Amino acid sequence: MTKIVLATAAVLAVAGSAFAGSDNFGSNGANQPAVAVDSSYT
């Protein structure tokens, strides 16, 4: 029983930190281009 509780707490802690970390890429990070596109003709 205690292993299930500890495993659940660990999963929730990891999921919570993952969602909290994604807040660093908010509206400012969404406007940054992911790849620089070279549109010159050859």
PDB file of N, CA and C in Angstrom:
ATOM      1  N   MET A   1       0.832  -1.203   0.000  1.00  0.00           N
ATOM      2  CA  MET A   1       0.000   0.000   0.000  1.00  0.00           C
ATOM      3  C   MET A   1       0.869   1.257   0.000  1.00  0.00           C
ATOM      4  N   THR A   2       1.904   1.257   0.815  1.00  0.00           N
ATOM      5  CA  THR A   2       2.741   2.458   0.868  1.00  0.00           C
ATOM      6  C   THR A   2       3.511   2.657  -0.428  1.00  0.00           C
ATOM      7  N   LYS A   3       3.835   1.566  -1.129  1.00  0.00           N
ATOM      8  CA  LYS A   3       4.537   1.708  -2.408  1.00  0.00           C
ATOM      9  C   LYS A   3       3.635   2.382  -3.437  1.00  0.00           C
ATOM     10  N   ILE A   4       2.347   2.053  -3.400  1.00  0.00           N
ATOM     11  CA  ILE A   4       1.411   2.678  -4.339  1.00  0.00           C
ATOM     12  C   ILE A   4       1.293   4.169  -4.039  1.00  0.00           C
ATOM     13  N   VAL A   5       1.232   4.522  -2.768  1.00  0.00           N
ATOM     14  CA  VAL A   5       1.118   5.934  -2.388  1.00  0.00           C
ATOM     15  C   VAL A   5       2.375   6.690  -2.794  1.00  0.00           C
ATOM     16  N   LEU A   6       3.536   6.103  -2.564  1.00  0.00           N
ATOM     17  CA  LEU A   6       4.783   6.771  -2.937  1.00  0.00           C
ATOM     18  C   LEU A   6       4.915   6.893  -4.452  1.00  0.00           C
ATOM     19  N   ALA A   7       4.503   5.864  -5.178  1.00  0.00           N
ATOM     20  CA  ALA A   7       4.580   5.929  -6.637  1.00  0.00           C
ATOM     21  C   ALA A   7       3.636   6.994  -7.185  1.00  0.00           C
ATOM     22  N   THR A   8       2.439   7.070  -6.619  1.00  0.00           N
ATOM     23  CA  THR A   8       1.483   8.092  -7.055  1.00  0.00           C
ATOM     24  C   THR A   8       2.008   9.490  -6.754  1.00  0.00           C
ATOM     25  N   ALA A   9       2.593   9.671  -5.579  1.00  0.00           N
ATOM     26  CA  ALA A   9       3.145  10.978  -5.227  1.00  0.00           C
ATOM     27  C   ALA A   9       4.298  11.349  -6.154  1.00  0.00           C
ATOM     28  N   ALA A  10       5.119  10.372  -6.520  1.00  0.00           N
ATOM     29  CA  ALA A  10       6.238  10.649  -7.417  1.00  0.00           C
ATOM     30  C   ALA A  10       5.745  11.037  -8.806  1.00  0.00           C
ATOM     31  N   VAL A  11       4.731  10.336  -9.298  1.00  0.00           N
ATOM     32  CA  VAL A  11       4.190  10.653 -10.626  1.00  0.00           C
ATOM     33  C   VAL A  11       3.571  12.046 -10.630  1.00  0.00           C
ATOM     34  N   LEU A  12       2.844  12.381  -9.583  1.00  0.00           N
ATOM     35  CA  LEU A  12       2.238  13.710  -9.513  1.00  0.00           C
ATOM     36  C   LEU A  12       3.304  14.794  -9.401  1.00  0.00           C
ATOM     37  N   ALA A  13       4.377  14.525  -8.675  1.00  0.00           N
ATOM     38  CA  ALA A  13       5.442  15.516  -8.534  1.00  0.00           C
ATOM     39  C   ALA A  13       6.139  15.751  -9.870  1.00  0.00           C
ATOM     40  N   VAL A  14       6.389  14.673 -10.618  1.00  0.00           N
ATOM     41  CA  VAL A  14       7.049  14.814 -11.916  1.00  0.00           C
ATOM     42  C   VAL A  14       6.130  15.526 -12.904  1.00  0.00           C
ATOM     43  N   ALA A  15       4.855  15.169 -12.910  1.00  0.00           N
ATOM     44  CA  ALA A  15       3.915  15.811 -13.826  1.00  0.00           C
ATOM     45  C   ALA A  15       3.741  17.281 -13.469  1.00  0.00           C
ATOM     46  N   GLY A  16       3.710  17.598 -12.195  1.00  0.00           N
ATOM     47  CA  GLY A  16       3.569  18.993 -11.780  1.00  0.00           C
ATOM     48  C   GLY A  16       4.773  19.821 -12.171  1.00  0.00           C
ATOM     49  N   SER A  17       5.970  19.269 -12.024  1.00  0.00           N
ATOM     50  CA  SER A  17       7.166  20.018 -12.394  1.00  0.00           C
ATOM     51  C   SER A  17       7.265  20.162 -13.905  1.00  0.00           C
ATOM     52  N   ALA A  18       6.747  19.189 -14.659  1.00  0.00           N
ATOM     53  CA  ALA A  18       6.783  19.295 -16.114  1.00  0.00           C
ATOM     54  C   ALA A  18       5.869  20.416 -16.595  1.00  0.00           C
ATOM     55  N   PHE A  19       4.670  20.506 -16.004  1.00  0.00           N
ATOM     56  CA  PHE A  19       3.764  21.581 -16.399  1.00  0.00           C
ATOM     57  C   PHE A  19       4.276  22.929 -15.923  1.00  0.00           C
ATOM     58  N   ALA A  20       4.929  22.970 -14.755  1.00  0.00           N
ATOM     59  CA  ALA A  20       5.478  24.233 -14.261  1.00  0.00           C
ATOM     60  C   ALA A  20       6.640  24.683 -15.134  1.00  0.00           C
ATOM     61  N   GLY A  21       7.427  23.734 -15.635  1.00  0.00           N
ATOM     62  CA  GLY A  21       8.542  24.090 -16.492  1.00  0.00           C
ATOM     63  C   GLY A  21       8.086  24.609 -17.840  1.00  0.00           C
ATOM     64  N   SER A  22       6.930  24.161 -18.310  1.00  0.00           N
ATOM     65  CA  SER A  22       6.441  24.615 -19.602  1.00  0.00           C
ATOM     66  C   SER A  22       5.961  26.055 -19.550  1.00  0.00           C
ATOM     67  N   ASP A  23       5.764  26.608 -18.353  1.00  0.00           N
ATOM     68  CA  ASP A  23       5.361  28.005 -18.243  1.00  0.00           C
ATOM     69  C   ASP A  23       6.496  28.938 -18.662  1.00  0.00           C
ATOM     70  N   ASN A  24       7.729  28.441 -18.686  1.00  0.00           N
ATOM     71  CA  ASN A  24       8.840  29.282 -19.111  1.00  0.00           C
ATOM     72  C   ASN A  24       8.765  29.574 -20.604  1.00  0.00           C
ATOM     73  N   PHE A  25       8.056  28.748 -21.352  1.00  0.00           N
ATOM     74  CA  PHE A  25       7.903  28.969 -22.784  1.00  0.00           C
ATOM     75  C   PHE A  25       6.497  29.505 -23.041  1.00  0.00           C
ATOM     76  N   GLY A  26       6.252  30.687 -22.536  1.00  0.00           N
ATOM     77  CA  GLY A  26       4.916  31.272 -22.644  1.00  0.00           C
ATOM     78  C   GLY A  26       4.740  31.998 -23.962  1.00  0.00           C
ATOM     79  N   SER A  27       4.087  33.156 -23.914  1.00  0.00           N
ATOM     80  CA  SER A  27       3.801  33.897 -25.133  1.00  0.00           C
ATOM     81  C   SER A  27       5.078  34.429 -25.766  1.00  0.00           C
ATOM     82  N   ASN A  28       6.095  34.679 -24.942  1.00  0.00           N
ATOM     83  CA  ASN A  28       7.348  35.182 -25.498  1.00  0.00           C
ATOM     84  C   ASN A  28       8.075  34.082 -26.263  1.00  0.00           C
ATOM     85  N   GLY A  29       8.119  32.883 -25.712  1.00  0.00           N
ATOM     86  CA  GLY A  29       8.811  31.788 -26.366  1.00  0.00           C
ATOM     87  C   GLY A  29       8.077  31.281 -27.592  1.00  0.00           C
ATOM     88  N   ALA A  30       6.751  31.470 -27.640  1.00  0.00           N
ATOM     89  CA  ALA A  30       5.986  30.976 -28.775  1.00  0.00           C
ATOM     90  C   ALA A  30       6.246  31.812 -30.018  1.00  0.00           C
ATOM     91  N   ASN A  31       6.674  33.063 -29.839  1.00  0.00           N
ATOM     92  CA  ASN A  31       6.900  33.937 -30.982  1.00  0.00           C
ATOM     93  C   ASN A  31       8.294  33.780 -31.575  1.00  0.00           C
ATOM     94  N   GLN A  32       9.154  32.995 -30.929  1.00  0.00           N
ATOM     95  CA  GLN A  32      10.499  32.826 -31.449  1.00  0.00           C
ATOM     96  C   GLN A  32      10.497  31.781 -32.561  1.00  0.00           C
ATOM     97  N   PRO A  33      11.135  32.052 -33.684  1.00  0.00           N
ATOM     98  CA  PRO A  33      11.173  31.056 -34.762  1.00  0.00           C
ATOM     99  C   PRO A  33      12.007  29.854 -34.352  1.00  0.00           C
ATOM    100  N   ALA A  34      11.522  28.673 -34.656  1.00  0.00           N
ATOM    101  CA  ALA A  34      12.223  27.455 -34.270  1.00  0.00           C
ATOM    102  C   ALA A  34      13.403  27.199 -35.203  1.00  0.00           C
ATOM    103  N   VAL A  35      13.220  27.468 -36.504  1.00  0.00           N
ATOM    104  CA  VAL A  35      14.267  27.190 -37.483  1.00  0.00           C
ATOM    105  C   VAL A  35      14.441  28.430 -38.347  1.00  0.00           C
ATOM    106  N   ALA A  36      15.676  28.816 -38.580  1.00  0.00           N
ATOM    107  CA  ALA A  36      15.947  29.937 -39.480  1.00  0.00           C
ATOM    108  C   ALA A  36      15.812  29.447 -40.916  1.00  0.00           C
ATOM    109  N   VAL A  37      14.938  30.098 -41.681  1.00  0.00           N
ATOM    110  CA  VAL A  37      14.664  29.659 -43.047  1.00  0.00           C
ATOM    111  C   VAL A  37      15.461  30.520 -44.010  1.00  0.00           C
ATOM    112  N   ASP A  38      16.215  29.880 -44.876  1.00  0.00           N
ATOM    113  CA  ASP A  38      16.973  30.577 -45.911  1.00  0.00           C
ATOM    114  C   ASP A  38      16.134  30.596 -47.181  1.00  0.00           C
ATOM    115  N   SER A  39      15.646  31.776 -47.532  1.00  0.00           N
ATOM    116  CA  SER A  39      14.743  31.872 -48.684  1.00  0.00           C
ATOM    117  C   SER A  39      15.438  32.480 -49.901  1.00  0.00           C
ATOM    118  N   SER A  40      16.766  32.399 -49.974  1.00  0.00           N
ATOM    119  CA  SER A  40      17.469  32.964 -51.124  1.00  0.00           C
ATOM    120  C   SER A  40      17.373  32.018 -52.323  1.00  0.00           C
ATOM    121  N   TYR A  41      17.256  32.620 -53.503  1.00  0.00           N
ATOM    122  CA  TYR A  41      17.146  31.816 -54.721  1.00  0.00           C
ATOM    123  C   TYR A  41      18.532  31.502 -55.260  1.00  0.00           C
ATOM    124  N   THR A  42      18.685  30.306 -55.762  1.00  0.00           N
ATOM    125  CA  THR A  42      19.974  29.916 -56.341  1.00  0.00           C
ATOM    126  C   THR A  42      19.805  29.577 -57.810  1.00  0.00           C
TER     127      THR A  42
END
